[in-house]
Amino acid sequence: MVKTKVILFYKLFIYILIITFLSGCASFSYEFQNPTFLTPAFITSKNIQELNGEYSIIARAKDSSANSYNVKFNNFFQILDGDIKKDTLTEHNLDHYSFKINVINDTNIKIEYLNNHIPFEELIIGYELREGYLYLKNKKTTIRGVPYLFGGVEVNKIRLTRDLNDNLVAEIAHHNSGTILFIFRDAKDNHYQCYYLKIK
């Protein structure tokens, strides 16, 4: 009984620590906020349906600090869920894939994954519209080992908008940190812009 209580207390402590820590990490870069290449109207409740459409799965990504191309964030599969269809979605066959966005209502969007324009999987994701961006609520958090004891945490936050040519722009705030016996190692925060060509 005592051992069970200790384990429960430890799990609760770790959970509270993670929630407290994650609430302040992976913030978006002001460097990307309302840049000149984005549409002047930005995303509002009146024009949000203009995000609907089919987009190429491959993107170019720009790091806010290093201005470098990052393969890890160059396709929409890995941004939302790095494990989805992991065995079949490789760098060699992504040319056959695309994705489609459909704004369902004021709180949810549907994202369909397509192979040669044929749907094979879909996600319903909550969102919040603010500051001219569509903020996805499926914040992707990956926990490695035992966080803050022997392990680490990786967090992706995502928001969407469009450019002047109606192509999709996904901005990713990525945080990666780890500890050994509660001693924090070097934490990294990176920001990426990914541009997805609108197919139709």
Protein backbone atom coordinates (compact mmCIF):
# COMPACT_ATOMS: atom_id res chain seq x y z
CA MET A 1 0.00 0.00 0.00
CA VAL A 2 2.78 2.43 0.93
CA LYS A 3 4.70 1.56 -2.23
CA THR A 4 1.58 2.19 -4.33
CA LYS A 5 1.07 5.61 -2.73
CA VAL A 6 4.70 6.52 -3.37
CA ILE A 7 4.36 5.56 -7.04
CA LEU A 8 1.13 7.55 -7.39
CA PHE A 9 2.71 10.55 -5.69
CA TYR A 10 5.72 10.35 -8.00
CA LYS A 11 3.50 10.14 -11.10
CA LEU A 12 1.44 13.11 -9.91
CA PHE A 13 4.59 15.10 -9.19
CA ILE A 14 6.03 14.35 -12.64
CA TYR A 15 2.71 15.21 -14.29
CA ILE A 16 2.45 18.58 -12.52
CA LEU A 17 6.10 19.33 -13.29
CA ILE A 18 5.63 18.55 -16.98
CA ILE A 19 2.44 20.62 -17.29
CA THR A 20 4.04 23.57 -15.49
CA PHE A 21 7.16 23.39 -17.63
CA LEU A 22 5.38 22.92 -20.95
CA SER A 23 3.07 25.87 -20.36
CA GLY A 24 6.01 28.20 -20.84
CA CYS A 25 8.01 26.50 -23.60
CA ALA A 26 7.73 26.28 -27.37
CA SER A 27 6.50 29.83 -27.90
CA PHE A 28 6.12 31.24 -31.40
CA SER A 29 8.73 33.57 -32.81
CA TYR A 30 7.80 37.23 -33.18
CA GLU A 31 10.11 37.16 -36.17
CA PHE A 32 7.35 35.34 -38.07
CA GLN A 33 4.40 37.37 -36.78
CA ASN A 34 2.52 39.05 -39.63
CA PRO A 35 5.46 39.04 -42.08
CA THR A 36 5.11 40.98 -45.32
CA PHE A 37 4.81 37.91 -47.57
CA LEU A 38 1.60 36.81 -45.84
CA THR A 39 -1.81 37.96 -47.02
CA PRO A 40 -2.66 41.42 -45.64
CA ALA A 41 -6.10 40.20 -44.53
CA PHE A 42 -4.67 37.32 -42.45
CA ILE A 43 -7.07 34.64 -41.25
CA THR A 44 -10.39 35.76 -39.77
CA SER A 45 -13.77 34.15 -39.16
CA LYS A 46 -14.92 35.67 -42.47
CA ASN A 47 -12.18 34.27 -44.70
CA ILE A 48 -11.10 31.13 -42.85
CA GLN A 49 -12.85 28.93 -45.44
CA GLU A 50 -10.21 30.08 -47.94
CA LEU A 51 -7.81 27.66 -46.24
CA ASN A 52 -9.89 24.79 -47.65
CA GLY A 53 -8.19 22.91 -50.45
CA GLU A 54 -5.63 20.28 -51.40
CA TYR A 55 -1.93 20.89 -50.79
CA SER A 56 1.35 19.22 -51.67
CA ILE A 57 2.70 17.17 -48.77
CA ILE A 58 6.27 18.37 -49.40
CA ALA A 59 7.33 21.79 -48.10
CA ARG A 60 10.35 23.97 -47.78
CA ALA A 61 11.19 24.86 -44.17
CA LYS A 62 13.14 27.86 -42.92
CA ASP A 63 14.69 27.94 -39.47
CA SER A 64 14.21 31.31 -37.77
CA SER A 65 17.71 31.32 -36.30
CA ALA A 66 19.91 29.35 -38.70
CA ASN A 67 17.91 29.95 -41.91
CA SER A 68 18.52 26.31 -42.74
CA TYR A 69 16.46 23.59 -44.40
CA ASN A 70 15.28 21.02 -41.86
CA VAL A 71 14.25 17.62 -43.24
CA LYS A 72 12.39 16.70 -40.05
CA PHE A 73 9.78 19.38 -40.66
CA ASN A 74 9.49 19.26 -44.44
CA ASN A 75 6.21 17.35 -44.70
CA PHE A 76 2.80 17.61 -43.10
CA PHE A 77 2.78 14.00 -41.90
CA GLN A 78 5.71 14.52 -39.55
CA ILE A 79 4.49 17.87 -38.29
CA LEU A 80 1.16 16.53 -37.04
CA ASP A 81 2.14 12.96 -36.19
CA GLY A 82 5.62 11.61 -36.85
CA ASP A 83 4.42 8.01 -36.44
CA ILE A 84 1.48 8.05 -38.85
CA LYS A 85 1.95 5.41 -41.55
CA LYS A 86 5.62 5.39 -40.63
CA ASP A 87 6.36 2.23 -42.59
CA THR A 88 4.89 3.44 -45.89
CA LEU A 89 5.60 7.17 -45.89
CA THR A 90 9.23 7.50 -46.83
CA GLU A 91 11.20 10.26 -48.47
CA HIS A 92 11.19 8.23 -51.69
CA ASN A 93 7.44 8.03 -52.24
CA LEU A 94 6.07 11.26 -50.75
CA ASP A 95 5.59 12.72 -54.24
CA HIS A 96 2.42 10.64 -54.53
CA TYR A 97 0.91 12.08 -51.36
CA SER A 98 -1.00 15.25 -50.57
CA PHE A 99 -3.36 16.49 -47.89
CA LYS A 100 -6.65 18.32 -47.87
CA ILE A 101 -7.94 20.86 -45.35
CA ASN A 102 -11.64 21.39 -44.69
CA VAL A 103 -12.80 23.87 -42.04
CA ILE A 104 -15.81 22.14 -40.46
CA ASN A 105 -17.00 24.83 -38.05
CA ASP A 106 -15.76 27.48 -35.62
CA THR A 107 -13.81 24.97 -33.53
CA ASN A 108 -12.73 22.03 -35.73
CA ILE A 109 -11.01 21.31 -39.03
CA LYS A 110 -10.67 18.05 -40.93
CA ILE A 111 -7.35 17.05 -42.47
CA GLU A 112 -7.43 14.23 -45.02
CA TYR A 113 -4.30 12.43 -46.17
CA LEU A 114 -4.39 11.36 -49.82
CA ASN A 115 -2.43 8.97 -52.01
CA ASN A 116 -2.76 9.92 -55.69
CA HIS A 117 -5.67 12.17 -54.64
CA ILE A 118 -7.51 9.26 -52.96
CA PRO A 119 -8.19 9.69 -49.19
CA PHE A 120 -6.77 6.99 -46.93
CA GLU A 121 -6.84 8.61 -43.48
CA GLU A 122 -8.32 11.67 -41.80
CA LEU A 123 -7.95 13.65 -38.59
CA ILE A 124 -10.42 15.96 -36.86
CA ILE A 125 -8.46 18.63 -35.00
CA GLY A 126 -9.65 21.43 -32.75
CA TYR A 127 -8.40 24.94 -33.38
CA GLU A 128 -8.50 28.45 -32.01
CA LEU A 129 -8.54 31.53 -34.23
CA ARG A 130 -6.52 34.46 -32.91
CA GLU A 131 -4.05 37.10 -34.04
CA GLY A 132 -4.73 36.25 -37.69
CA TYR A 133 -3.63 32.62 -37.28
CA LEU A 134 -5.36 29.27 -36.90
CA TYR A 135 -3.77 27.63 -33.83
CA LEU A 136 -4.07 23.84 -33.81
CA LYS A 137 -4.96 22.30 -30.46
CA ASN A 138 -3.21 18.99 -31.05
CA LYS A 139 0.06 20.12 -29.48
CA LYS A 140 2.38 17.20 -30.16
CA THR A 141 4.33 16.15 -27.07
CA THR A 142 6.85 13.30 -27.10
CA ILE A 143 8.15 12.01 -23.75
CA ARG A 144 11.38 10.03 -23.65
CA GLY A 145 12.30 7.86 -20.67
CA VAL A 146 11.28 9.26 -17.28
CA PRO A 147 10.98 13.04 -17.72
CA TYR A 148 13.18 15.15 -15.46
CA LEU A 149 14.82 12.06 -13.95
CA PHE A 150 16.38 10.20 -16.90
CA GLY A 151 14.68 11.47 -20.03
CA GLY A 152 13.37 14.44 -21.92
CA VAL A 153 10.43 16.18 -23.53
CA GLU A 154 9.88 17.32 -27.11
CA VAL A 155 7.03 19.71 -27.94
CA ASN A 156 5.62 20.97 -31.25
CA LYS A 157 3.09 23.78 -31.42
CA ILE A 158 1.56 24.59 -34.80
CA ARG A 159 -0.33 27.51 -36.29
CA LEU A 160 -1.56 27.99 -39.86
CA THR A 161 -2.02 30.90 -42.22
CA ARG A 162 -1.56 31.53 -45.98
CA ASP A 163 0.72 33.49 -48.25
CA LEU A 164 -0.12 35.99 -50.99
CA ASN A 165 -0.62 33.15 -53.49
CA ASP A 166 -3.07 31.24 -51.23
CA ASN A 167 -0.47 28.59 -50.39
CA LEU A 168 -0.57 27.19 -46.86
CA VAL A 169 2.01 28.39 -44.33
CA ALA A 170 2.55 26.27 -41.21
CA GLU A 171 4.62 27.81 -38.43
CA ILE A 172 6.10 25.38 -35.90
CA ALA A 173 7.47 26.22 -32.46
CA HIS A 174 9.68 23.28 -31.49
CA HIS A 175 11.11 22.71 -28.01
CA ASN A 176 13.50 19.92 -26.98
CA SER A 177 14.91 19.46 -23.47
CA GLY A 178 16.13 16.74 -21.15
CA THR A 179 17.51 16.10 -17.68
CA ILE A 180 19.61 13.65 -15.73
CA LEU A 181 18.64 13.40 -12.05
CA PHE A 182 16.74 16.73 -12.29
CA ILE A 183 19.80 18.49 -13.74
CA PHE A 184 18.65 20.24 -16.91
CA ARG A 185 20.71 19.82 -20.04
CA ASP A 186 20.84 22.40 -22.81
CA ALA A 187 17.27 23.13 -23.96
CA LYS A 188 16.67 24.10 -27.57
CA ASP A 189 13.88 26.19 -29.05
CA ASN A 190 13.60 26.40 -32.84
CA HIS A 191 11.02 27.92 -35.14
CA TYR A 192 10.15 26.81 -38.64
CA GLN A 193 8.02 28.11 -41.49
CA CYS A 194 6.79 25.47 -43.93
CA TYR A 195 5.23 26.45 -47.27
CA TYR A 196 2.79 24.02 -48.91
CA LEU A 197 1.78 24.59 -52.53
CA LYS A 198 -1.98 24.67 -53.10
CA ILE A 199 -2.87 22.05 -55.72
CA LYS A 200 -6.59 22.85 -56.01
